[in-house]
Amino acid sequence: MRPRPTSCLLRSTQRRYFDYVQAAKLVGRRIRTKIAWSGVPAGTTGRIVRADNSYTESGRLALVIRWDLPALPKPLEDWFDVNEFQHLEVLP
């Protein structure tokens, strides 16, 4: 599955990614989006399913979110860098 670009959330020329320690603390956590964008309404929940360096520079990590969207025929996943992640709320 190819990542969907989420850069529409922030128009930043400098992309910042997670390091291994940051990512390891977040993988498996539940989240909720604070804003809406294509196919994901505001307030939608999901889970951070993994950290991935396939599409980042210098082996840094993006977090992969699998959204809770049961109406879709297959799971929807998005890749988030540090800047984009600020639009998500980590749930307890």
N, C-alpha and C. Protein backbone atom coordinates (compact mmCIF):
# COMPACT_ATOMS: atom_id res chain seq x y z
N MET A 1 0.85 -1.17 0.00
CA MET A 1 0.00 0.00 0.00
C MET A 1 0.90 1.24 0.00
N ARG A 2 0.68 2.13 -0.94
CA ARG A 2 1.45 3.37 -1.02
C ARG A 2 0.88 4.39 -0.06
N PRO A 3 1.73 5.19 0.56
CA PRO A 3 1.21 6.20 1.50
C PRO A 3 0.42 7.28 0.80
N ARG A 4 -0.64 7.72 1.45
CA ARG A 4 -1.39 8.87 0.96
C ARG A 4 -0.70 10.11 1.49
N PRO A 5 -0.44 11.07 0.66
CA PRO A 5 0.21 12.28 1.17
C PRO A 5 -0.72 13.04 2.09
N THR A 6 -0.20 13.45 3.24
CA THR A 6 -0.99 14.24 4.17
C THR A 6 -0.44 15.66 4.25
N SER A 7 0.45 16.00 3.34
CA SER A 7 1.10 17.31 3.38
C SER A 7 0.12 18.45 3.14
N CYS A 8 -1.11 18.14 2.72
CA CYS A 8 -2.10 19.21 2.56
C CYS A 8 -2.44 19.83 3.91
N LEU A 9 -2.17 19.13 5.00
CA LEU A 9 -2.46 19.68 6.32
C LEU A 9 -1.58 20.86 6.64
N LEU A 10 -0.31 20.76 6.31
CA LEU A 10 0.64 21.83 6.59
C LEU A 10 1.49 22.06 5.35
N ARG A 11 1.62 23.26 4.95
CA ARG A 11 2.48 23.60 3.82
C ARG A 11 3.85 23.98 4.34
N SER A 12 4.62 23.00 4.70
CA SER A 12 5.94 23.23 5.28
C SER A 12 7.01 22.79 4.30
N THR A 13 8.04 23.59 4.13
CA THR A 13 9.13 23.20 3.26
C THR A 13 10.08 22.26 3.98
N GLN A 14 10.07 22.29 5.29
CA GLN A 14 10.96 21.45 6.09
C GLN A 14 10.15 20.34 6.75
N ARG A 15 10.31 19.12 6.27
CA ARG A 15 9.59 17.99 6.86
C ARG A 15 10.41 17.44 8.02
N ARG A 16 9.77 17.19 9.13
CA ARG A 16 10.43 16.62 10.30
C ARG A 16 9.82 15.26 10.58
N TYR A 17 10.68 14.29 10.84
CA TYR A 17 10.22 12.93 11.09
C TYR A 17 10.55 12.50 12.51
N PHE A 18 10.03 11.35 12.91
CA PHE A 18 10.24 10.81 14.24
C PHE A 18 11.55 10.02 14.29
N ASP A 19 12.17 10.00 15.47
CA ASP A 19 13.30 9.09 15.64
C ASP A 19 12.75 7.79 16.23
N TYR A 20 13.60 6.80 16.38
CA TYR A 20 13.15 5.48 16.81
C TYR A 20 12.50 5.53 18.20
N VAL A 21 13.08 6.25 19.13
CA VAL A 21 12.55 6.31 20.50
C VAL A 21 11.17 6.95 20.51
N GLN A 22 11.01 8.06 19.79
CA GLN A 22 9.71 8.74 19.72
C GLN A 22 8.66 7.80 19.13
N ALA A 23 9.00 7.16 18.02
CA ALA A 23 8.05 6.29 17.32
C ALA A 23 7.67 5.09 18.18
N ALA A 24 8.65 4.48 18.84
CA ALA A 24 8.38 3.29 19.66
C ALA A 24 7.38 3.60 20.78
N LYS A 25 7.41 4.81 21.32
CA LYS A 25 6.49 5.20 22.38
C LYS A 25 5.06 5.36 21.87
N LEU A 26 4.90 5.60 20.58
CA LEU A 26 3.57 5.90 20.02
C LEU A 26 2.92 4.73 19.30
N VAL A 27 3.69 3.81 18.77
CA VAL A 27 3.10 2.68 18.02
C VAL A 27 2.17 1.89 18.95
N GLY A 28 0.98 1.62 18.44
CA GLY A 28 -0.03 0.91 19.21
C GLY A 28 -1.03 1.81 19.90
N ARG A 29 -0.73 3.09 20.00
CA ARG A 29 -1.63 4.04 20.69
C ARG A 29 -2.82 4.40 19.80
N ARG A 30 -3.94 4.71 20.44
CA ARG A 30 -5.14 5.18 19.75
C ARG A 30 -5.03 6.69 19.59
N ILE A 31 -5.56 7.20 18.49
CA ILE A 31 -5.53 8.64 18.22
C ILE A 31 -6.89 9.10 17.69
N ARG A 32 -7.06 10.44 17.65
CA ARG A 32 -8.25 11.06 17.04
C ARG A 32 -7.77 12.28 16.28
N THR A 33 -8.32 12.50 15.10
CA THR A 33 -7.94 13.67 14.33
C THR A 33 -8.73 14.89 14.80
N LYS A 34 -8.03 16.03 14.86
CA LYS A 34 -8.66 17.29 15.26
C LYS A 34 -9.27 18.02 14.07
N ILE A 35 -8.83 17.69 12.86
CA ILE A 35 -9.31 18.36 11.65
C ILE A 35 -9.73 17.32 10.62
N ALA A 36 -10.48 17.76 9.63
CA ALA A 36 -10.92 16.88 8.54
C ALA A 36 -10.05 17.09 7.32
N TRP A 37 -9.90 16.06 6.53
CA TRP A 37 -9.33 16.16 5.19
C TRP A 37 -9.87 15.02 4.36
N SER A 38 -9.47 14.89 3.15
CA SER A 38 -10.04 13.96 2.18
C SER A 38 -10.26 12.55 2.75
N GLY A 39 -11.52 12.19 2.91
CA GLY A 39 -11.87 10.84 3.32
C GLY A 39 -11.81 10.58 4.82
N VAL A 40 -11.35 11.54 5.61
CA VAL A 40 -11.24 11.35 7.06
C VAL A 40 -11.89 12.54 7.77
N PRO A 41 -13.11 12.35 8.29
CA PRO A 41 -13.79 13.45 8.97
C PRO A 41 -13.12 13.81 10.30
N ALA A 42 -13.25 15.06 10.71
CA ALA A 42 -12.75 15.48 12.02
C ALA A 42 -13.38 14.60 13.09
N GLY A 43 -12.58 14.24 14.09
CA GLY A 43 -13.07 13.40 15.18
C GLY A 43 -12.92 11.91 14.94
N THR A 44 -12.46 11.53 13.76
CA THR A 44 -12.27 10.11 13.45
C THR A 44 -11.13 9.56 14.30
N THR A 45 -11.33 8.35 14.79
CA THR A 45 -10.29 7.68 15.58
C THR A 45 -9.53 6.68 14.71
N GLY A 46 -8.41 6.27 15.23
CA GLY A 46 -7.59 5.28 14.55
C GLY A 46 -6.51 4.77 15.48
N ARG A 47 -5.61 3.98 14.94
CA ARG A 47 -4.51 3.42 15.72
C ARG A 47 -3.21 3.63 14.95
N ILE A 48 -2.15 3.93 15.68
CA ILE A 48 -0.82 4.01 15.07
C ILE A 48 -0.34 2.57 14.95
N VAL A 49 -0.27 2.08 13.72
CA VAL A 49 0.01 0.65 13.50
C VAL A 49 1.48 0.33 13.30
N ARG A 50 2.27 1.31 12.88
CA ARG A 50 3.70 1.06 12.70
C ARG A 50 4.41 2.37 12.39
N ALA A 51 5.72 2.30 12.48
CA ALA A 51 6.59 3.39 12.03
C ALA A 51 7.27 2.90 10.76
N ASP A 52 7.42 3.78 9.79
CA ASP A 52 7.92 3.37 8.47
C ASP A 52 8.93 4.38 7.95
N ASN A 53 10.06 3.88 7.45
CA ASN A 53 11.07 4.77 6.87
C ASN A 53 11.18 4.63 5.37
N SER A 54 10.23 3.97 4.74
CA SER A 54 10.30 3.72 3.30
C SER A 54 10.29 4.98 2.46
N TYR A 55 9.64 6.03 2.94
CA TYR A 55 9.45 7.23 2.12
C TYR A 55 10.02 8.47 2.80
N THR A 56 11.00 8.29 3.67
CA THR A 56 11.58 9.41 4.39
C THR A 56 13.06 9.54 4.08
N GLU A 57 13.62 10.68 4.43
CA GLU A 57 15.04 10.91 4.23
C GLU A 57 15.81 10.40 5.44
N SER A 58 17.01 9.93 5.23
CA SER A 58 17.96 9.58 6.30
C SER A 58 17.43 8.53 7.26
N GLY A 59 16.51 7.68 6.81
CA GLY A 59 16.02 6.63 7.68
C GLY A 59 15.14 7.09 8.82
N ARG A 60 14.74 8.35 8.81
CA ARG A 60 13.82 8.84 9.85
C ARG A 60 12.46 8.17 9.64
N LEU A 61 11.60 8.25 10.62
CA LEU A 61 10.36 7.48 10.61
C LEU A 61 9.11 8.35 10.52
N ALA A 62 8.17 7.90 9.71
CA ALA A 62 6.82 8.47 9.68
C ALA A 62 5.93 7.47 10.41
N LEU A 63 4.89 7.96 11.06
CA LEU A 63 3.95 7.08 11.74
C LEU A 63 2.80 6.75 10.81
N VAL A 64 2.40 5.50 10.79
CA VAL A 64 1.31 5.04 9.92
C VAL A 64 0.05 4.88 10.79
N ILE A 65 -1.00 5.61 10.40
CA ILE A 65 -2.28 5.58 11.11
C ILE A 65 -3.26 4.75 10.29
N ARG A 66 -3.90 3.78 10.91
CA ARG A 66 -5.01 3.04 10.28
C ARG A 66 -6.29 3.58 10.89
N TRP A 67 -7.11 4.19 10.05
CA TRP A 67 -8.32 4.86 10.51
C TRP A 67 -9.46 3.89 10.74
N ASP A 68 -10.32 4.22 11.71
CA ASP A 68 -11.54 3.45 11.99
C ASP A 68 -12.65 3.98 11.08
N LEU A 69 -12.69 3.47 9.89
CA LEU A 69 -13.70 3.86 8.90
C LEU A 69 -14.36 2.59 8.36
N PRO A 70 -15.31 2.02 9.13
CA PRO A 70 -15.89 0.72 8.76
C PRO A 70 -16.67 0.71 7.46
N ALA A 71 -17.08 1.87 6.97
CA ALA A 71 -17.85 1.92 5.72
C ALA A 71 -16.98 1.68 4.49
N LEU A 72 -15.67 1.79 4.64
CA LEU A 72 -14.78 1.58 3.50
C LEU A 72 -14.54 0.09 3.27
N PRO A 73 -14.35 -0.31 2.01
CA PRO A 73 -14.14 -1.74 1.71
C PRO A 73 -12.80 -2.29 2.21
N LYS A 74 -11.80 -1.44 2.36
CA LYS A 74 -10.52 -1.90 2.90
C LYS A 74 -9.95 -0.80 3.81
N PRO A 75 -9.05 -1.17 4.72
CA PRO A 75 -8.53 -0.18 5.67
C PRO A 75 -7.84 0.99 4.98
N LEU A 76 -8.02 2.17 5.55
CA LEU A 76 -7.38 3.38 5.06
C LEU A 76 -6.22 3.72 5.99
N GLU A 77 -5.03 3.86 5.43
CA GLU A 77 -3.85 4.21 6.21
C GLU A 77 -3.24 5.49 5.66
N ASP A 78 -2.73 6.32 6.58
CA ASP A 78 -2.04 7.56 6.22
C ASP A 78 -0.71 7.61 6.95
N TRP A 79 0.28 8.25 6.32
CA TRP A 79 1.62 8.42 6.89
C TRP A 79 1.74 9.85 7.42
N PHE A 80 2.24 10.01 8.65
CA PHE A 80 2.33 11.32 9.30
C PHE A 80 3.75 11.63 9.74
N ASP A 81 4.20 12.85 9.43
CA ASP A 81 5.48 13.32 9.98
C ASP A 81 5.16 14.10 11.27
N VAL A 82 6.17 14.65 11.90
CA VAL A 82 5.99 15.35 13.18
C VAL A 82 5.05 16.55 13.03
N ASN A 83 5.21 17.34 11.96
CA ASN A 83 4.36 18.52 11.77
C ASN A 83 2.90 18.13 11.59
N GLU A 84 2.64 17.12 10.80
CA GLU A 84 1.26 16.69 10.56
C GLU A 84 0.66 16.05 11.82
N PHE A 85 1.48 15.42 12.62
CA PHE A 85 1.01 14.74 13.81
C PHE A 85 0.40 15.70 14.83
N GLN A 86 0.74 16.98 14.76
CA GLN A 86 0.17 17.94 15.69
C GLN A 86 -1.34 18.10 15.51
N HIS A 87 -1.87 17.62 14.40
CA HIS A 87 -3.31 17.68 14.15
C HIS A 87 -4.04 16.45 14.68
N LEU A 88 -3.33 15.61 15.41
CA LEU A 88 -3.90 14.40 16.01
C LEU A 88 -3.83 14.50 17.52
N GLU A 89 -4.76 13.86 18.18
CA GLU A 89 -4.77 13.80 19.64
C GLU A 89 -4.52 12.34 20.04
N VAL A 90 -3.52 12.10 20.88
CA VAL A 90 -3.27 10.75 21.38
C VAL A 90 -4.25 10.51 22.52
N LEU A 91 -4.98 9.41 22.43
CA LEU A 91 -6.00 9.10 23.42
C LEU A 91 -5.39 8.28 24.57
N PRO A 92 -5.98 8.42 25.76
CA PRO A 92 -5.46 7.65 26.91
C PRO A 92 -5.73 6.16 26.78
